[in-house]
Amino acid sequence: MKYIGGDIVLKTLNVREPLTLDGNVPIYQNAQSVNADYTISDNTNAMSAGPITIASGVTVTVGTGETWTVV
């Protein structure tokens, strides 16, 4: 996931790190496909900008109480 904001500050983030915003107008970028198994961490929610493609044979696990929202 990448973030661009403020004075065009570009950061590469680990998807499990909390996201903090710099600047006035944040723009988020994320990959358009999930190519490896992924589990939403317990007691967290996740969000992706879509459309999102899940590769053949890949599993995204969303546990009870967690939510993955694709906008």
PDB file of N, CA and C in Angstrom:
ATOM      1  N   MET A   1       0.842  -1.158   0.000  1.00  0.00           N
ATOM      2  CA  MET A   1       0.000   0.000   0.000  1.00  0.00           C
ATOM      3  C   MET A   1       0.895   1.230   0.000  1.00  0.00           C
ATOM      4  N   LYS A   2       0.518   2.258  -0.720  1.00  0.00           N
ATOM      5  CA  LYS A   2       1.274   3.495  -0.761  1.00  0.00           C
ATOM      6  C   LYS A   2       0.365   4.659  -0.419  1.00  0.00           C
ATOM      7  N   TYR A   3       0.950   5.703   0.111  1.00  0.00           N
ATOM      8  CA  TYR A   3       0.212   6.901   0.489  1.00  0.00           C
ATOM      9  C   TYR A   3       0.915   8.112  -0.100  1.00  0.00           C
ATOM     10  N   ILE A   4       0.157   9.014  -0.696  1.00  0.00           N
ATOM     11  CA  ILE A   4       0.699  10.264  -1.203  1.00  0.00           C
ATOM     12  C   ILE A   4      -0.126  11.387  -0.589  1.00  0.00           C
ATOM     13  N   GLY A   5       0.517  12.381  -0.026  1.00  0.00           N
ATOM     14  CA  GLY A   5      -0.244  13.471   0.562  1.00  0.00           C
ATOM     15  C   GLY A   5       0.643  14.661   0.862  1.00  0.00           C
ATOM     16  N   GLY A   6       0.024  15.774   1.183  1.00  0.00           N
ATOM     17  CA  GLY A   6       0.787  16.968   1.526  1.00  0.00           C
ATOM     18  C   GLY A   6       1.669  17.407   0.377  1.00  0.00           C
ATOM     19  N   ASP A   7       2.952  17.541   0.640  1.00  0.00           N
ATOM     20  CA  ASP A   7       3.922  17.980  -0.364  1.00  0.00           C
ATOM     21  C   ASP A   7       4.449  16.798  -1.175  1.00  0.00           C
ATOM     22  N   ILE A   8       3.572  15.928  -1.650  1.00  0.00           N
ATOM     23  CA  ILE A   8       3.908  14.737  -2.425  1.00  0.00           C
ATOM     24  C   ILE A   8       4.941  13.885  -1.673  1.00  0.00           C
ATOM     25  N   VAL A   9       4.552  13.489  -0.474  1.00  0.00           N
ATOM     26  CA  VAL A   9       5.353  12.579   0.339  1.00  0.00           C
ATOM     27  C   VAL A   9       4.901  11.175  -0.007  1.00  0.00           C
ATOM     28  N   LEU A  10       5.813  10.315  -0.378  1.00  0.00           N
ATOM     29  CA  LEU A  10       5.476   8.950  -0.779  1.00  0.00           C
ATOM     30  C   LEU A  10       6.059   7.988   0.238  1.00  0.00           C
ATOM     31  N   LYS A  11       5.205   7.143   0.788  1.00  0.00           N
ATOM     32  CA  LYS A  11       5.639   6.149   1.765  1.00  0.00           C
ATOM     33  C   LYS A  11       5.181   4.777   1.316  1.00  0.00           C
ATOM     34  N   THR A  12       5.999   3.781   1.503  1.00  0.00           N
ATOM     35  CA  THR A  12       5.581   2.399   1.302  1.00  0.00           C
ATOM     36  C   THR A  12       5.314   1.823   2.676  1.00  0.00           C
ATOM     37  N   LEU A  13       4.133   1.270   2.862  1.00  0.00           N
ATOM     38  CA  LEU A  13       3.723   0.793   4.169  1.00  0.00           C
ATOM     39  C   LEU A  13       3.506  -0.711   4.160  1.00  0.00           C
ATOM     40  N   ASN A  14       3.847  -1.346   5.258  1.00  0.00           N
ATOM     41  CA  ASN A  14       3.457  -2.727   5.477  1.00  0.00           C
ATOM     42  C   ASN A  14       1.954  -2.711   5.736  1.00  0.00           C
ATOM     43  N   VAL A  15       1.206  -3.584   5.081  1.00  0.00           N
ATOM     44  CA  VAL A  15      -0.249  -3.529   5.208  1.00  0.00           C
ATOM     45  C   VAL A  15      -0.746  -3.795   6.620  1.00  0.00           C
ATOM     46  N   ARG A  16       0.088  -4.314   7.492  1.00  0.00           N
ATOM     47  CA  ARG A  16      -0.328  -4.567   8.866  1.00  0.00           C
ATOM     48  C   ARG A  16       0.021  -3.407   9.798  1.00  0.00           C
ATOM     49  N   GLU A  17       0.717  -2.369   9.295  1.00  0.00           N
ATOM     50  CA  GLU A  17       1.022  -1.206  10.114  1.00  0.00           C
ATOM     51  C   GLU A  17      -0.188  -0.291  10.185  1.00  0.00           C
ATOM     52  N   PRO A  18      -0.393   0.395  11.328  1.00  0.00           N
ATOM     53  CA  PRO A  18      -1.447   1.402  11.357  1.00  0.00           C
ATOM     54  C   PRO A  18      -1.102   2.538  10.405  1.00  0.00           C
ATOM     55  N   LEU A  19      -2.080   3.094   9.751  1.00  0.00           N
ATOM     56  CA  LEU A  19      -1.864   4.161   8.778  1.00  0.00           C
ATOM     57  C   LEU A  19      -2.054   5.506   9.451  1.00  0.00           C
ATOM     58  N   THR A  20      -1.060   6.386   9.313  1.00  0.00           N
ATOM     59  CA  THR A  20      -1.196   7.750   9.792  1.00  0.00           C
ATOM     60  C   THR A  20      -1.122   8.673   8.595  1.00  0.00           C
ATOM     61  N   LEU A  21      -1.831   9.775   8.659  1.00  0.00           N
ATOM     62  CA  LEU A  21      -1.938  10.685   7.528  1.00  0.00           C
ATOM     63  C   LEU A  21      -1.043  11.893   7.722  1.00  0.00           C
ATOM     64  N   ASP A  22      -0.367  12.305   6.649  1.00  0.00           N
ATOM     65  CA  ASP A  22       0.404  13.535   6.624  1.00  0.00           C
ATOM     66  C   ASP A  22      -0.204  14.424   5.550  1.00  0.00           C
ATOM     67  N   GLY A  23      -0.241  15.711   5.765  1.00  0.00           N
ATOM     68  CA  GLY A  23      -0.732  16.604   4.725  1.00  0.00           C
ATOM     69  C   GLY A  23      -2.232  16.795   4.779  1.00  0.00           C
ATOM     70  N   ASN A  24      -2.727  17.572   3.813  1.00  0.00           N
ATOM     71  CA  ASN A  24      -4.127  17.962   3.798  1.00  0.00           C
ATOM     72  C   ASN A  24      -5.020  17.064   2.955  1.00  0.00           C
ATOM     73  N   VAL A  25      -4.517  16.515   1.851  1.00  0.00           N
ATOM     74  CA  VAL A  25      -5.354  15.740   0.931  1.00  0.00           C
ATOM     75  C   VAL A  25      -4.712  14.370   0.726  1.00  0.00           C
ATOM     76  N   PRO A  26      -5.136  13.365   1.484  1.00  0.00           N
ATOM     77  CA  PRO A  26      -4.538  12.041   1.346  1.00  0.00           C
ATOM     78  C   PRO A  26      -5.053  11.306   0.111  1.00  0.00           C
ATOM     79  N   ILE A  27      -4.164  10.581  -0.538  1.00  0.00           N
ATOM     80  CA  ILE A  27      -4.519   9.689  -1.639  1.00  0.00           C
ATOM     81  C   ILE A  27      -3.900   8.333  -1.320  1.00  0.00           C
ATOM     82  N   TYR A  28      -4.717   7.313  -1.288  1.00  0.00           N
ATOM     83  CA  TYR A  28      -4.254   5.968  -0.991  1.00  0.00           C
ATOM     84  C   TYR A  28      -4.152   5.169  -2.276  1.00  0.00           C
ATOM     85  N   GLN A  29      -3.130   4.342  -2.374  1.00  0.00           N
ATOM     86  CA  GLN A  29      -2.999   3.432  -3.508  1.00  0.00           C
ATOM     87  C   GLN A  29      -2.826   2.025  -2.965  1.00  0.00           C
ATOM     88  N   ASN A  30      -3.513   1.079  -3.593  1.00  0.00           N
ATOM     89  CA  ASN A  30      -3.306  -0.314  -3.230  1.00  0.00           C
ATOM     90  C   ASN A  30      -3.299  -1.157  -4.494  1.00  0.00           C
ATOM     91  N   ALA A  31      -2.714  -2.331  -4.381  1.00  0.00           N
ATOM     92  CA  ALA A  31      -2.678  -3.256  -5.512  1.00  0.00           C
ATOM     93  C   ALA A  31      -4.102  -3.617  -5.922  1.00  0.00           C
ATOM     94  N   GLN A  32      -4.271  -4.042  -7.169  1.00  0.00           N
ATOM     95  CA  GLN A  32      -5.591  -4.410  -7.679  1.00  0.00           C
ATOM     96  C   GLN A  32      -5.858  -5.904  -7.574  1.00  0.00           C
ATOM     97  N   SER A  33      -4.864  -6.645  -7.120  1.00  0.00           N
ATOM     98  CA  SER A  33      -5.089  -8.085  -6.977  1.00  0.00           C
ATOM     99  C   SER A  33      -4.409  -8.606  -5.718  1.00  0.00           C
ATOM    100  N   VAL A  34      -4.991  -9.657  -5.159  1.00  0.00           N
ATOM    101  CA  VAL A  34      -4.425 -10.358  -4.013  1.00  0.00           C
ATOM    102  C   VAL A  34      -3.808 -11.631  -4.581  1.00  0.00           C
ATOM    103  N   ASN A  35      -2.493 -11.765  -4.452  1.00  0.00           N
ATOM    104  CA  ASN A  35      -1.778 -12.882  -5.066  1.00  0.00           C
ATOM    105  C   ASN A  35      -1.216 -13.876  -4.062  1.00  0.00           C
ATOM    106  N   ALA A  36      -1.488 -13.664  -2.776  1.00  0.00           N
ATOM    107  CA  ALA A  36      -1.035 -14.587  -1.730  1.00  0.00           C
ATOM    108  C   ALA A  36      -2.122 -14.645  -0.664  1.00  0.00           C
ATOM    109  N   ASP A  37      -2.218 -15.767   0.031  1.00  0.00           N
ATOM    110  CA  ASP A  37      -3.197 -15.910   1.099  1.00  0.00           C
ATOM    111  C   ASP A  37      -3.031 -14.769   2.097  1.00  0.00           C
ATOM    112  N   TYR A  38      -4.148 -14.264   2.595  1.00  0.00           N
ATOM    113  CA  TYR A  38      -4.114 -13.141   3.540  1.00  0.00           C
ATOM    114  C   TYR A  38      -5.230 -13.321   4.548  1.00  0.00           C
ATOM    115  N   THR A  39      -4.942 -13.012   5.813  1.00  0.00           N
ATOM    116  CA  THR A  39      -5.930 -13.085   6.878  1.00  0.00           C
ATOM    117  C   THR A  39      -6.050 -11.716   7.529  1.00  0.00           C
ATOM    118  N   ILE A  40      -7.269 -11.199   7.622  1.00  0.00           N
ATOM    119  CA  ILE A  40      -7.512  -9.949   8.335  1.00  0.00           C
ATOM    120  C   ILE A  40      -7.265 -10.232   9.811  1.00  0.00           C
ATOM    121  N   SER A  41      -6.420  -9.437  10.449  1.00  0.00           N
ATOM    122  CA  SER A  41      -6.052  -9.663  11.846  1.00  0.00           C
ATOM    123  C   SER A  41      -7.272  -9.624  12.756  1.00  0.00           C
ATOM    124  N   ASP A  42      -7.225 -10.398  13.848  1.00  0.00           N
ATOM    125  CA  ASP A  42      -8.312 -10.423  14.822  1.00  0.00           C
ATOM    126  C   ASP A  42      -8.580  -9.015  15.348  1.00  0.00           C
ATOM    127  N   ASN A  43      -9.853  -8.716  15.539  1.00  0.00           N
ATOM    128  CA  ASN A  43     -10.297  -7.446  16.111  1.00  0.00           C
ATOM    129  C   ASN A  43      -9.911  -6.234  15.273  1.00  0.00           C
ATOM    130  N   THR A  44      -9.766  -6.420  13.965  1.00  0.00           N
ATOM    131  CA  THR A  44      -9.479  -5.303  13.062  1.00  0.00           C
ATOM    132  C   THR A  44     -10.426  -5.370  11.876  1.00  0.00           C
ATOM    133  N   ASN A  45     -10.482  -4.299  11.127  1.00  0.00           N
ATOM    134  CA  ASN A  45     -11.204  -4.242   9.858  1.00  0.00           C
ATOM    135  C   ASN A  45     -10.210  -3.859   8.783  1.00  0.00           C
ATOM    136  N   ALA A  46     -10.563  -4.100   7.528  1.00  0.00           N
ATOM    137  CA  ALA A  46      -9.676  -3.777   6.411  1.00  0.00           C
ATOM    138  C   ALA A  46     -10.477  -3.067   5.327  1.00  0.00           C
ATOM    139  N   MET A  47      -9.786  -2.271   4.513  1.00  0.00           N
ATOM    140  CA  MET A  47     -10.431  -1.548   3.432  1.00  0.00           C
ATOM    141  C   MET A  47      -9.503  -1.557   2.224  1.00  0.00           C
ATOM    142  N   SER A  48     -10.085  -1.736   1.040  1.00  0.00           N
ATOM    143  CA  SER A  48      -9.348  -1.680  -0.219  1.00  0.00           C
ATOM    144  C   SER A  48     -10.140  -0.861  -1.213  1.00  0.00           C
ATOM    145  N   ALA A  49      -9.424  -0.163  -2.096  1.00  0.00           N
ATOM    146  CA  ALA A  49     -10.079   0.501  -3.218  1.00  0.00           C
ATOM    147  C   ALA A  49     -10.173  -0.507  -4.343  1.00  0.00           C
ATOM    148  N   GLY A  50     -11.358  -0.670  -4.913  1.00  0.00           N
ATOM    149  CA  GLY A  50     -11.573  -1.715  -5.907  1.00  0.00           C
ATOM    150  C   GLY A  50     -11.702  -1.169  -7.309  1.00  0.00           C
ATOM    151  N   PRO A  51     -11.851  -2.073  -8.243  1.00  0.00           N
ATOM    152  CA  PRO A  51     -12.109  -3.503  -8.022  1.00  0.00           C
ATOM    153  C   PRO A  51     -10.848  -4.249  -7.592  1.00  0.00           C
ATOM    154  N   ILE A  52     -11.061  -5.355  -6.892  1.00  0.00           N
ATOM    155  CA  ILE A  52      -9.988  -6.217  -6.416  1.00  0.00           C
ATOM    156  C   ILE A  52     -10.204  -7.612  -7.001  1.00  0.00           C
ATOM    157  N   THR A  53      -9.141  -8.196  -7.530  1.00  0.00           N
ATOM    158  CA  THR A  53      -9.178  -9.569  -8.037  1.00  0.00           C
ATOM    159  C   THR A  53      -8.399 -10.458  -7.081  1.00  0.00           C
ATOM    160  N   ILE A  54      -8.983 -11.584  -6.706  1.00  0.00           N
ATOM    161  CA  ILE A  54      -8.292 -12.575  -5.883  1.00  0.00           C
ATOM    162  C   ILE A  54      -7.818 -13.675  -6.824  1.00  0.00           C
ATOM    163  N   ALA A  55      -6.507 -13.885  -6.865  1.00  0.00           N
ATOM    164  CA  ALA A  55      -5.913 -14.853  -7.783  1.00  0.00           C
ATOM    165  C   ALA A  55      -6.428 -16.264  -7.497  1.00  0.00           C
ATOM    166  N   SER A  56      -6.412 -17.085  -8.527  1.00  0.00           N
ATOM    167  CA  SER A  56      -6.846 -18.471  -8.415  1.00  0.00           C
ATOM    168  C   SER A  56      -6.040 -19.201  -7.346  1.00  0.00           C
ATOM    169  N   GLY A  57      -6.730 -19.907  -6.460  1.00  0.00           N
ATOM    170  CA  GLY A  57      -6.077 -20.673  -5.410  1.00  0.00           C
ATOM    171  C   GLY A  57      -5.696 -19.866  -4.184  1.00  0.00           C
ATOM    172  N   VAL A  58      -5.962 -18.561  -4.201  1.00  0.00           N
ATOM    173  CA  VAL A  58      -5.615 -17.682  -3.084  1.00  0.00           C
ATOM    174  C   VAL A  58      -6.854 -17.491  -2.206  1.00  0.00           C
ATOM    175  N   THR A  59      -6.645 -17.431  -0.895  1.00  0.00           N
ATOM    176  CA  THR A  59      -7.734 -17.262   0.060  1.00  0.00           C
ATOM    177  C   THR A  59      -7.525 -16.002   0.879  1.00  0.00           C
ATOM    178  N   VAL A  60      -8.570 -15.188   0.983  1.00  0.00           N
ATOM    179  CA  VAL A  60      -8.595 -14.061   1.917  1.00  0.00           C
ATOM    180  C   VAL A  60      -9.544 -14.460   3.030  1.00  0.00           C
ATOM    181  N   THR A  61      -9.031 -14.509   4.250  1.00  0.00           N
ATOM    182  CA  THR A  61      -9.816 -14.940   5.392  1.00  0.00           C
ATOM    183  C   THR A  61     -10.255 -13.734   6.202  1.00  0.00           C
ATOM    184  N   VAL A  62     -11.562 -13.618   6.390  1.00  0.00           N
ATOM    185  CA  VAL A  62     -12.161 -12.551   7.198  1.00  0.00           C
ATOM    186  C   VAL A  62     -12.913 -13.254   8.325  1.00  0.00           C
ATOM    187  N   GLY A  63     -12.386 -13.161   9.524  1.00  0.00           N
ATOM    188  CA  GLY A  63     -12.962 -13.890  10.648  1.00  0.00           C
ATOM    189  C   GLY A  63     -14.241 -13.262  11.177  1.00  0.00           C
ATOM    190  N   THR A  64     -14.873 -13.965  12.086  1.00  0.00           N
ATOM    191  CA  THR A  64     -16.062 -13.471  12.754  1.00  0.00           C
ATOM    192  C   THR A  64     -15.695 -12.199  13.516  1.00  0.00           C
ATOM    193  N   GLY A  65     -16.451 -11.138  13.302  1.00  0.00           N
ATOM    194  CA  GLY A  65     -16.184  -9.874  13.986  1.00  0.00           C
ATOM    195  C   GLY A  65     -15.287  -8.931  13.201  1.00  0.00           C
ATOM    196  N   GLU A  66     -14.671  -9.397  12.115  1.00  0.00           N
ATOM    197  CA  GLU A  66     -13.834  -8.554  11.273  1.00  0.00           C
ATOM    198  C   GLU A  66     -14.613  -8.235   9.989  1.00  0.00           C
ATOM    199  N   THR A  67     -14.223  -7.160   9.315  1.00  0.00           N
ATOM    200  CA  THR A  67     -14.878  -6.754   8.071  1.00  0.00           C
ATOM    201  C   THR A  67     -13.830  -6.320   7.065  1.00  0.00           C
ATOM    202  N   TRP A  68     -14.006  -6.728   5.800  1.00  0.00           N
ATOM    203  CA  TRP A  68     -13.180  -6.234   4.699  1.00  0.00           C
ATOM    204  C   TRP A  68     -14.122  -5.489   3.770  1.00  0.00           C
ATOM    205  N   THR A  69     -13.894  -4.193   3.609  1.00  0.00           N
ATOM    206  CA  THR A  69     -14.730  -3.362   2.761  1.00  0.00           C
ATOM    207  C   THR A  69     -13.938  -2.976   1.522  1.00  0.00           C
ATOM    208  N   VAL A  70     -14.526  -3.212   0.346  1.00  0.00           N
ATOM    209  CA  VAL A  70     -13.927  -2.790  -0.930  1.00  0.00           C
ATOM    210  C   VAL A  70     -14.789  -1.656  -1.454  1.00  0.00           C
ATOM    211  N   VAL A  71     -14.185  -0.494  -1.612  1.00  0.00           N
ATOM    212  CA  VAL A  71     -14.927   0.682  -2.077  1.00  0.00           C
ATOM    213  C   VAL A  71     -14.521   1.037  -3.494  1.00  0.00           C
TER     214      VAL A  71
END
